[in-house]
């Protein structure tokens, strides 16, 4: 748009931008990201003023801040949009540096290379490479801003819905104006920001910002789902129902595990499961626990929680070992028993309660065909015992049972109980000694050595 009407329109946009900046400054405490909203408004003042200047006199050396003001407006509104959509959101350092560096870089290029890298007016108006790259950058930010606010498009507060509509239609208007070379993007931007500010000030005095979807998962607790032997859904808890419903997969009996979780069963401990939640994607991790066949065909129990990034190691060997152990599975996927390192961790946790405890360690060597039966028998015995007991799958065909006792009498009782709990077909070595984690590991090694000796008759024991 050119001529007197164009100059008047851009001048009016400049005046409106000044007024909106003043209003935003006075009411910034009632706006989400109030300081950045004021910065965006001030940038539209510079933007509209430069376009007005361009309409009057063309591209002149004084027009240094035209494109930088556009980039600053888009960057500030993107941060405001993210802060309005996710409570507690802050831009990562690389993103913050990018948002600040782009307007500065455009200014430096403009000063160093002259006006032609942006726009030339003779013999005809033509836009340079910096203008093209800058436009792509700004429209990318605009798209991200619209996407960030999308989850609040149906907010229960009318003022919030109006803010989302202002940005959405402002983006459409800016795209159309730029595509048709109407030279009206500054007018559209001023109008969109003005509606955004006025709607924000007309809304609640304490604007509500919803937490990010992944933060909601922390409040849900563990997601638990039970599947039958054919990997079909049987039961689920309330957090699982809420999570799957938010993702558009309302749980129903018979639903396949692969359809609900995106992975088949069993899966290794620590496997990341990605589920759609409230327009985003939630990363969960956990374990699948085998439910042994008790006449119902068996099945699987899946326990999931939101996957959190592990703390970065500090570089020491101890920290690196700890980080490596955290990545190991805690349960055997075939039997559901503890893994060796998980059993050791449980012992370490129990050690602080009473260092005087003694330990009874049993290592059972079983036939692979009897593994499920043996594991079931030992777990049932351990669950019903008053002493802390851990049952682990130590090797592919050996089970380790560690029971902690308070005195010698208890260790004698446990010794007899372990013998009784183990099946008569497996070889078993039982030893006892100190209850510390290191000592228990030595006892397991001693029991394994006993089993590696001359092969006795099935059902025999060594102690």
Protein backbone atom coordinates (compact mmCIF):
# COMPACT_ATOMS: atom_id res chain seq x y z
CA UNK A 1 0.00 0.00 0.00
CA UNK A 2 1.39 3.40 -0.96
CA UNK A 3 0.35 7.00 -1.27
CA UNK A 4 -1.32 9.26 1.23
CA UNK A 5 -3.71 6.57 2.47
CA UNK A 6 -0.81 4.22 3.13
CA UNK A 7 1.14 6.83 5.04
CA UNK A 8 -1.93 7.68 7.12
CA UNK A 9 -2.62 4.04 7.91
CA UNK A 10 0.93 3.30 9.05
CA UNK A 11 1.06 6.55 11.04
CA UNK A 12 -2.18 5.57 12.78
CA UNK A 13 -0.70 2.14 13.54
CA UNK A 14 2.29 3.87 15.10
CA UNK A 15 0.06 5.99 17.33
CA UNK A 16 -1.95 2.94 18.39
CA UNK A 17 1.27 1.06 19.13
CA UNK A 18 2.47 3.91 21.38
CA UNK A 19 -0.86 3.90 23.25
CA UNK A 20 -0.83 0.11 23.67
CA UNK A 21 2.76 0.25 24.96
CA UNK A 22 1.75 2.78 27.62
CA UNK A 23 -1.29 0.69 28.62
CA UNK A 24 0.81 -2.50 28.81
CA UNK A 25 3.45 -0.73 30.87
CA UNK A 26 0.87 0.45 33.41
CA UNK A 27 -0.84 -2.93 33.62
CA UNK A 28 2.15 -5.21 33.19
CA UNK A 29 1.64 -6.87 36.57
CA UNK A 30 -1.68 -8.28 35.36
CA UNK A 31 -0.20 -9.75 32.19
CA UNK A 32 1.62 -13.06 31.91
CA UNK A 33 5.19 -12.16 30.98
CA UNK A 34 4.32 -8.49 31.48
CA UNK A 35 7.83 -7.17 30.86
CA UNK A 36 8.15 -9.04 27.56
CA UNK A 37 4.67 -7.90 26.49
CA UNK A 38 5.79 -4.31 27.01
CA UNK A 39 8.96 -5.03 25.00
CA UNK A 40 6.87 -6.48 22.16
CA UNK A 41 4.61 -3.43 22.17
CA UNK A 42 7.60 -1.06 22.10
CA UNK A 43 9.06 -3.03 19.19
CA UNK A 44 5.84 -2.58 17.21
CA UNK A 45 6.21 1.18 17.72
CA UNK A 46 9.64 1.10 16.06
CA UNK A 47 8.37 -1.28 13.39
CA UNK A 48 5.33 0.83 12.41
CA UNK A 49 7.35 4.08 12.55
CA UNK A 50 10.00 2.68 10.20
CA UNK A 51 7.38 1.48 7.72
CA UNK A 52 5.79 4.93 7.82
CA UNK A 53 9.19 6.45 7.15
CA UNK A 54 9.76 4.04 4.29
CA UNK A 55 6.42 5.00 2.73
CA UNK A 56 7.38 8.68 2.88
CA UNK A 57 11.03 8.77 1.82
CA UNK A 58 12.03 5.22 0.82
CA UNK A 59 15.00 3.21 2.06
CA UNK A 60 17.43 5.55 3.74
CA UNK A 61 20.44 4.86 5.98
CA UNK A 62 18.52 5.91 9.08
CA UNK A 63 16.22 2.88 8.80
CA UNK A 64 18.49 0.59 10.80
CA UNK A 65 15.97 -0.80 13.27
CA UNK A 66 13.19 -1.85 10.90
CA UNK A 67 13.91 -5.57 10.63
CA UNK A 68 15.44 -5.90 14.12
CA UNK A 69 12.21 -4.53 15.60
CA UNK A 70 10.22 -7.15 13.69
CA UNK A 71 12.45 -9.95 15.02
CA UNK A 72 12.26 -8.56 18.56
CA UNK A 73 8.45 -8.45 18.41
CA UNK A 74 8.18 -12.04 17.19
CA UNK A 75 10.73 -13.30 19.72
CA UNK A 76 9.10 -11.59 22.68
CA UNK A 77 5.62 -12.80 21.76
CA UNK A 78 6.87 -16.36 21.36
CA UNK A 79 8.27 -16.36 24.90
CA UNK A 80 5.04 -14.82 26.21
CA UNK A 81 3.01 -17.49 24.42
CA UNK A 82 5.05 -20.33 25.91
CA UNK A 83 4.84 -18.76 29.38
CA UNK A 84 1.06 -18.40 28.95
CA UNK A 85 0.67 -22.03 27.91
CA UNK A 86 2.97 -23.75 30.43
CA UNK A 87 3.33 -22.67 34.03
CA UNK A 88 6.93 -22.08 35.05
CA UNK A 89 8.29 -22.29 31.49
CA UNK A 90 11.60 -20.52 30.89
CA UNK A 91 13.53 -20.41 27.61
CA UNK A 92 16.65 -22.54 27.50
CA UNK A 93 19.89 -20.63 27.27
CA UNK A 94 20.51 -21.44 23.56
CA UNK A 95 17.00 -20.26 22.69
CA UNK A 96 17.36 -17.06 24.69
CA UNK A 97 20.67 -16.34 22.96
CA UNK A 98 19.09 -16.91 19.55
CA UNK A 99 16.18 -14.57 20.26
CA UNK A 100 18.57 -11.83 21.34
CA UNK A 101 21.26 -12.46 18.73
CA UNK A 102 19.05 -12.41 15.63
CA UNK A 103 18.00 -8.73 15.82
CA UNK A 104 21.57 -7.76 16.74
CA UNK A 105 23.01 -9.73 13.80
CA UNK A 106 20.57 -8.15 11.35
CA UNK A 107 21.55 -4.71 12.63
CA UNK A 108 25.26 -5.47 12.23
CA UNK A 109 24.75 -6.76 8.68
CA UNK A 110 22.70 -3.71 7.81
CA UNK A 111 25.39 -1.35 9.10
CA UNK A 112 28.26 -3.31 7.57
CA UNK A 113 26.84 -4.11 4.13
CA UNK A 114 24.45 -1.27 3.53
CA UNK A 115 20.79 -0.99 2.60
CA UNK A 116 20.93 -3.26 -0.43
CA UNK A 117 21.18 -6.43 1.67
CA UNK A 118 17.68 -5.61 2.92
CA UNK A 119 15.84 -3.68 0.22
CA UNK A 120 16.54 -1.58 -2.88
CA UNK A 121 14.12 0.95 -4.39
CA UNK A 122 15.76 1.72 -7.73
CA UNK A 123 14.95 0.93 -10.47
CA UNK A 124 12.22 -1.04 -8.65
CA UNK A 125 11.61 -2.22 -5.09
CA UNK A 126 13.49 -5.50 -4.50
CA UNK A 127 14.23 -7.32 -1.27
CA UNK A 128 17.70 -8.62 -0.49
CA UNK A 129 18.92 -11.93 1.01
CA UNK A 130 18.95 -10.71 4.60
CA UNK A 131 15.31 -9.70 4.26
CA UNK A 132 14.41 -13.15 2.94
CA UNK A 133 16.21 -15.03 5.73
CA UNK A 134 14.84 -12.71 8.37
CA UNK A 135 11.29 -13.17 7.07
CA UNK A 136 11.64 -16.96 7.23
CA UNK A 137 12.92 -16.68 10.81
CA UNK A 138 10.04 -14.44 11.90
CA UNK A 139 7.34 -16.59 10.31
CA UNK A 140 8.85 -19.68 11.96
CA UNK A 141 8.58 -17.95 15.33
CA UNK A 142 5.04 -16.89 14.50
CA UNK A 143 4.06 -20.47 13.71
CA UNK A 144 5.62 -21.70 16.96
CA UNK A 145 3.74 -18.99 18.84
CA UNK A 146 0.41 -20.11 17.39
CA UNK A 147 1.19 -23.75 18.22
CA UNK A 148 2.20 -22.85 21.77
CA UNK A 149 -1.12 -21.11 22.39
CA UNK A 150 -3.19 -23.80 20.67
CA UNK A 151 -3.75 -25.79 23.88
CA UNK A 152 -5.48 -22.74 25.38
CA UNK A 153 -7.78 -22.15 22.43
CA UNK A 154 -10.74 -23.66 24.32
CA UNK A 155 -9.85 -22.16 27.71
CA UNK A 156 -12.78 -21.56 30.06
CA UNK A 157 -11.77 -17.88 30.37
CA UNK A 158 -13.09 -15.82 27.47
CA UNK A 159 -10.24 -13.31 27.67
CA UNK A 160 -7.71 -16.08 27.12
CA UNK A 161 -9.63 -17.40 24.11
CA UNK A 162 -9.64 -13.87 22.68
CA UNK A 163 -5.87 -13.60 23.16
CA UNK A 164 -5.34 -16.89 21.33
CA UNK A 165 -7.66 -15.79 18.50
CA UNK A 166 -5.82 -12.46 18.18
CA UNK A 167 -2.46 -14.19 17.70
CA UNK A 168 -3.90 -16.85 15.41
CA UNK A 169 -5.68 -14.43 13.08
CA UNK A 170 -2.81 -11.99 13.32
CA UNK A 171 -0.51 -14.73 12.02
CA UNK A 172 -2.89 -15.46 9.14
CA UNK A 173 -3.19 -11.77 8.32
CA UNK A 174 0.55 -11.24 8.40
CA UNK A 175 1.11 -14.22 6.12
CA UNK A 176 -1.45 -13.00 3.58
CA UNK A 177 -0.14 -9.44 3.69
CA UNK A 178 3.44 -10.57 3.18
CA UNK A 179 2.53 -13.01 0.40
CA UNK A 180 0.65 -10.31 -1.52
CA UNK A 181 3.25 -7.62 -0.79
CA UNK A 182 0.59 -5.38 0.73
CA UNK A 183 3.05 -3.75 3.15
CA UNK A 184 0.55 -4.17 5.98
CA UNK A 185 2.29 -6.61 8.31
CA UNK A 186 3.06 -3.84 10.80
CA UNK A 187 -0.62 -2.84 10.92
CA UNK A 188 -1.68 -6.46 11.46
CA UNK A 189 0.95 -6.91 14.17
CA UNK A 190 -0.10 -3.77 16.02
CA UNK A 191 -3.76 -4.84 15.90
CA UNK A 192 -2.98 -8.36 17.15
CA UNK A 193 -0.77 -7.15 20.00
CA UNK A 194 -3.34 -4.50 20.95
CA UNK A 195 -6.12 -7.08 21.24
CA UNK A 196 -3.79 -9.41 23.16
CA UNK A 197 -2.98 -6.68 25.71
CA UNK A 198 -6.55 -5.39 26.11
CA UNK A 199 -7.94 -8.92 26.49
CA UNK A 200 -5.27 -9.75 29.05
CA UNK A 201 -6.09 -6.68 31.12
CA UNK A 202 -9.81 -7.42 30.87
CA UNK A 203 -9.32 -10.96 32.15
CA UNK A 204 -8.81 -12.18 35.73
CA UNK A 205 -6.57 -10.10 37.97
CA UNK A 206 -4.57 -13.24 38.70
CA UNK A 207 -4.30 -15.02 35.34
CA UNK A 208 -4.18 -18.79 35.58
CA UNK A 209 -1.49 -20.61 33.63
CA UNK A 210 -1.95 -24.40 33.38
CA UNK A 211 0.99 -26.66 34.13
CA UNK A 212 2.68 -28.49 31.29
CA UNK A 213 1.17 -31.92 30.52
CA UNK A 214 4.25 -33.71 31.85
CA UNK A 215 3.90 -31.91 35.19
CA UNK A 216 0.35 -33.23 35.49
CA UNK A 217 1.73 -36.74 35.21
CA UNK A 218 3.79 -36.23 38.37
CA UNK A 219 0.57 -35.71 40.31
CA UNK A 220 -1.12 -38.77 38.82
CA UNK A 221 1.30 -41.23 40.38
CA UNK A 222 2.20 -44.60 38.90
CA UNK A 223 0.31 -45.82 35.85
CA UNK A 224 -0.52 -49.51 36.32
CA UNK A 225 -2.02 -51.75 33.64
CA UNK A 226 -2.63 -55.50 33.75
CA UNK A 227 -2.59 -57.61 30.57
CA UNK A 228 -3.39 -61.27 30.05
CA UNK A 229 -1.10 -63.81 28.43
CA UNK A 230 -2.21 -62.66 24.96
CA UNK A 231 -1.16 -59.08 25.82
CA UNK A 232 -4.78 -57.84 26.03
CA UNK A 233 -5.79 -55.26 28.64
CA UNK A 234 -7.58 -56.70 31.66
CA UNK A 235 -7.42 -54.11 34.44
CA UNK A 236 -6.01 -50.61 35.01
CA UNK A 237 -5.84 -48.03 37.76
CA UNK A 238 -7.31 -44.53 37.80
CA UNK A 239 -4.10 -42.71 36.73
CA UNK A 240 -3.86 -45.02 33.71
CA UNK A 241 -7.45 -44.26 32.77
CA UNK A 242 -6.90 -40.49 33.01
CA UNK A 243 -3.65 -40.61 31.06
CA UNK A 244 -4.97 -42.76 28.24
CA UNK A 245 -8.20 -40.75 28.03
CA UNK A 246 -6.23 -37.51 27.69
CA UNK A 247 -4.38 -39.11 24.80
CA UNK A 248 -7.56 -40.19 23.02
CA UNK A 249 -7.21 -43.91 23.87
CA UNK A 250 -9.90 -44.59 26.46
CA UNK A 251 -8.98 -47.95 28.01
CA UNK A 252 -11.25 -50.89 27.30
CA UNK A 253 -10.91 -54.59 28.17
CA UNK A 254 -9.21 -56.50 25.39
CA UNK A 255 -7.22 -53.54 24.00
CA UNK A 256 -3.81 -54.77 22.72
CA UNK A 257 -0.74 -53.63 24.62
CA UNK A 258 1.01 -52.60 21.40
CA UNK A 259 -1.90 -50.30 20.54
CA UNK A 260 -2.05 -48.64 23.96
CA UNK A 261 1.68 -48.38 24.69
CA UNK A 262 3.31 -48.55 21.28
CA UNK A 263 5.51 -51.45 22.43
CA UNK A 264 4.94 -55.17 22.87
CA UNK A 265 5.38 -57.18 26.04
CA UNK A 266 7.67 -57.86 27.73
CA UNK A 267 9.95 -54.85 27.48
CA UNK A 268 13.20 -54.14 29.29
CA UNK A 269 13.25 -52.03 32.43
CA UNK A 270 13.85 -48.39 31.61
CA UNK A 271 12.25 -48.62 28.15
CA UNK A 272 10.81 -45.22 27.24
CA UNK A 273 7.13 -45.33 26.26
CA UNK A 274 5.81 -42.26 24.43
CA UNK A 275 2.11 -41.52 24.80
CA UNK A 276 0.08 -38.60 23.39
CA UNK A 277 -1.24 -36.36 26.16
CA UNK A 278 -3.21 -33.11 25.79
CA UNK A 279 -1.76 -32.23 22.41
CA UNK A 280 1.79 -33.16 23.41
CA UNK A 281 3.82 -36.29 24.04
CA UNK A 282 4.57 -37.73 27.46
CA UNK A 283 7.69 -39.85 28.01
CA UNK A 284 7.18 -42.60 30.58
CA UNK A 285 9.40 -45.42 31.71
CA UNK A 286 9.01 -48.36 34.05
CA UNK A 287 8.95 -52.12 33.89
CA UNK A 288 6.80 -55.05 32.81
CA UNK A 289 6.33 -57.72 35.49
CA UNK A 290 5.44 -61.28 34.49
CA UNK A 291 2.40 -62.67 36.32
CA UNK A 292 2.95 -66.41 36.52
CA UNK A 293 0.27 -68.81 35.39
CA UNK A 294 -1.98 -69.71 38.34
CA UNK A 295 -4.71 -71.23 36.26
CA UNK A 296 -5.68 -68.01 34.51
CA UNK A 297 -3.09 -68.17 31.73
CA UNK A 298 -0.69 -65.70 33.40
CA UNK A 299 -0.01 -62.27 31.96
CA UNK A 300 1.83 -59.03 32.56
CA UNK A 301 1.66 -56.06 34.89
CA UNK A 302 3.07 -52.80 33.53
CA UNK A 303 4.09 -49.98 35.87
CA UNK A 304 5.03 -46.60 34.34
CA UNK A 305 6.03 -43.18 35.60
CA UNK A 306 7.11 -40.03 33.83
CA UNK A 307 10.62 -40.43 32.50
CA UNK A 308 13.00 -37.87 33.98
CA UNK A 309 16.44 -37.04 32.65
CA UNK A 310 19.19 -38.53 34.76
CA UNK A 311 21.50 -36.13 36.60
CA UNK A 312 24.62 -35.36 34.63
CA UNK A 313 27.68 -37.15 36.05
CA UNK A 314 30.31 -34.95 37.61
CA UNK A 315 33.11 -36.89 36.00
CA UNK A 316 34.28 -38.96 38.98
CA UNK A 317 34.53 -42.73 38.62
CA UNK A 318 32.04 -43.23 41.45
CA UNK A 319 29.44 -40.99 39.81
CA UNK A 320 29.93 -42.71 36.48
CA UNK A 321 29.42 -46.13 38.09
CA UNK A 322 26.29 -44.89 39.83
CA UNK A 323 24.91 -43.49 36.58
CA UNK A 324 25.59 -46.80 34.85
CA UNK A 325 23.83 -48.76 37.61
CA UNK A 326 20.78 -46.49 37.37
CA UNK A 327 20.43 -47.54 33.75
CA UNK A 328 20.35 -51.26 34.56
CA UNK A 329 16.98 -53.02 34.85
CA UNK A 330 15.61 -53.68 38.35
CA UNK A 331 13.45 -56.67 37.45
CA UNK A 332 13.97 -59.71 35.28
CA UNK A 333 11.53 -59.47 32.35
CA UNK A 334 10.85 -63.23 32.25
CA UNK A 335 10.20 -64.01 35.91
CA UNK A 336 9.56 -60.57 37.42
CA UNK A 337 12.20 -61.24 40.10
CA UNK A 338 14.83 -58.74 41.14
CA UNK A 339 18.01 -58.48 39.11
CA UNK A 340 21.35 -58.93 40.94
CA UNK A 341 22.12 -55.21 41.16
CA UNK A 342 18.58 -54.46 42.42
CA UNK A 343 18.99 -57.06 45.16
CA UNK A 344 22.28 -55.45 46.20
CA UNK A 345 20.63 -52.01 46.31
CA UNK A 346 17.86 -53.39 48.53
CA UNK A 347 20.44 -54.81 50.92
CA UNK A 348 22.28 -51.49 51.00
CA UNK A 349 19.02 -49.73 51.88
CA UNK A 350 18.34 -52.18 54.72
CA UNK A 351 21.90 -51.98 56.05
CA UNK A 352 21.42 -48.59 57.68
CA UNK A 353 18.53 -49.80 59.83
CA UNK A 354 20.49 -52.44 61.77
CA UNK A 355 24.14 -53.31 61.10
CA UNK A 356 24.04 -56.30 63.49
CA UNK A 357 21.78 -58.41 61.29
CA UNK A 358 22.89 -61.78 60.01
CA UNK A 359 22.10 -63.14 56.57
CA UNK A 360 20.95 -66.47 55.20
CA UNK A 361 21.79 -66.87 51.52
CA UNK A 362 20.42 -69.64 49.31
CA UNK A 363 21.32 -70.22 45.67
CA UNK A 364 18.98 -72.59 43.84
CA UNK A 365 20.04 -74.26 40.61
CA UNK A 366 16.89 -75.16 38.66
CA UNK A 367 16.01 -76.63 35.31
CA UNK A 368 14.79 -73.94 32.84
CA UNK A 369 11.47 -75.76 32.56
CA UNK A 370 10.96 -75.45 36.33
CA UNK A 371 12.05 -71.80 36.56
CA UNK A 372 8.55 -70.29 36.75
CA UNK A 373 7.37 -72.80 39.38
CA UNK A 374 10.46 -72.31 41.53
CA UNK A 375 10.23 -68.51 41.31
CA UNK A 376 6.55 -68.60 42.32
CA UNK A 377 7.24 -70.80 45.34
CA UNK A 378 10.10 -68.66 46.63
CA UNK A 379 8.26 -65.37 46.10
CA UNK A 380 5.18 -66.61 47.96
CA UNK A 381 7.34 -67.73 50.85
CA UNK A 382 9.24 -64.42 50.92
CA UNK A 383 6.06 -62.30 50.78
CA UNK A 384 4.59 -64.08 53.76
CA UNK A 385 7.71 -63.92 55.93
CA UNK A 386 8.25 -61.40 58.69
CA UNK A 387 11.94 -60.85 57.88
CA UNK A 388 13.13 -58.69 54.94
CA UNK A 389 13.83 -61.10 52.10
CA UNK A 390 14.90 -60.57 48.50
CA UNK A 391 14.59 -63.07 45.69
CA UNK A 392 16.62 -62.46 42.53
CA UNK A 393 17.38 -64.21 39.30
CA UNK A 394 21.13 -64.34 39.74
CA UNK A 395 22.01 -66.17 36.51
CA UNK A 396 19.83 -67.59 33.71
CA UNK A 397 19.26 -70.80 35.67
CA UNK A 398 20.05 -69.85 39.28
CA UNK A 399 17.89 -68.03 41.81
CA UNK A 400 19.36 -66.27 44.81
CA UNK A 401 17.44 -65.80 48.07
CA UNK A 402 18.79 -63.45 50.72
CA UNK A 403 17.06 -63.20 54.10
CA UNK A 404 18.17 -60.95 56.94
CA UNK A 405 17.75 -62.11 60.55
CA UNK A 406 18.25 -60.45 63.93
CA UNK A 407 19.99 -63.27 65.80
CA UNK A 408 21.25 -66.81 65.54
CA UNK A 409 17.88 -68.35 66.39
CA UNK A 410 16.25 -66.53 63.49
CA UNK A 411 18.95 -67.68 61.11
CA UNK A 412 18.32 -71.31 62.08
CA UNK A 413 14.61 -70.84 61.41
CA UNK A 414 15.29 -69.16 58.06
CA UNK A 415 17.67 -71.92 57.08
CA UNK A 416 14.92 -74.50 57.52
CA UNK A 417 12.35 -72.26 55.77
CA UNK A 418 14.50 -71.78 52.69
CA UNK A 419 14.96 -75.53 52.39
CA UNK A 420 11.24 -76.07 52.71
CA UNK A 421 10.31 -73.33 50.22
CA UNK A 422 12.61 -74.60 47.45
CA UNK A 423 11.29 -77.42 45.33
CA UNK A 424 12.64 -80.93 45.78
CA UNK A 425 13.85 -81.14 42.15
CA UNK A 426 16.39 -78.30 42.29
CA UNK A 427 19.87 -78.23 43.79
CA UNK A 428 20.25 -75.74 46.59
CA UNK A 429 23.23 -74.39 48.53
CA UNK A 430 22.51 -72.47 51.73
CA UNK A 431 25.09 -70.49 53.70
CA UNK A 432 24.93 -67.87 56.39
CA UNK A 433 27.09 -65.05 57.63
CA UNK A 434 27.27 -61.29 58.11
CA UNK A 435 24.35 -59.22 56.71
CA UNK A 436 26.33 -56.38 55.10
CA UNK A 437 26.05 -56.00 51.29
CA UNK A 438 29.70 -56.93 50.65
CA UNK A 439 29.49 -59.94 52.95
CA UNK A 440 26.27 -61.11 51.29
CA UNK A 441 27.93 -60.97 47.88
CA UNK A 442 30.70 -63.16 49.26
CA UNK A 443 28.11 -65.59 50.62
CA UNK A 444 26.42 -65.80 47.20
CA UNK A 445 29.79 -66.53 45.62
CA UNK A 446 30.44 -69.24 48.23
CA UNK A 447 27.05 -70.83 47.56
CA UNK A 448 27.68 -70.79 43.82
CA UNK A 449 31.02 -72.48 44.35
CA UNK A 450 29.32 -75.22 46.31
CA UNK A 451 26.86 -75.77 43.46
CA UNK A 452 29.73 -75.90 40.99
CA UNK A 453 31.27 -78.83 42.83
CA UNK A 454 30.45 -82.54 42.32
CA UNK A 455 26.83 -82.95 41.22
CA UNK A 456 24.72 -84.54 43.98
CA UNK A 457 21.40 -86.25 43.54
CA UNK A 458 18.41 -83.99 42.73
CA UNK A 459 16.80 -82.51 45.80
CA UNK A 460 19.99 -82.60 47.84
CA UNK A 461 21.38 -79.53 49.63
CA UNK A 462 24.66 -78.14 50.79
CA UNK A 463 25.00 -75.92 53.84
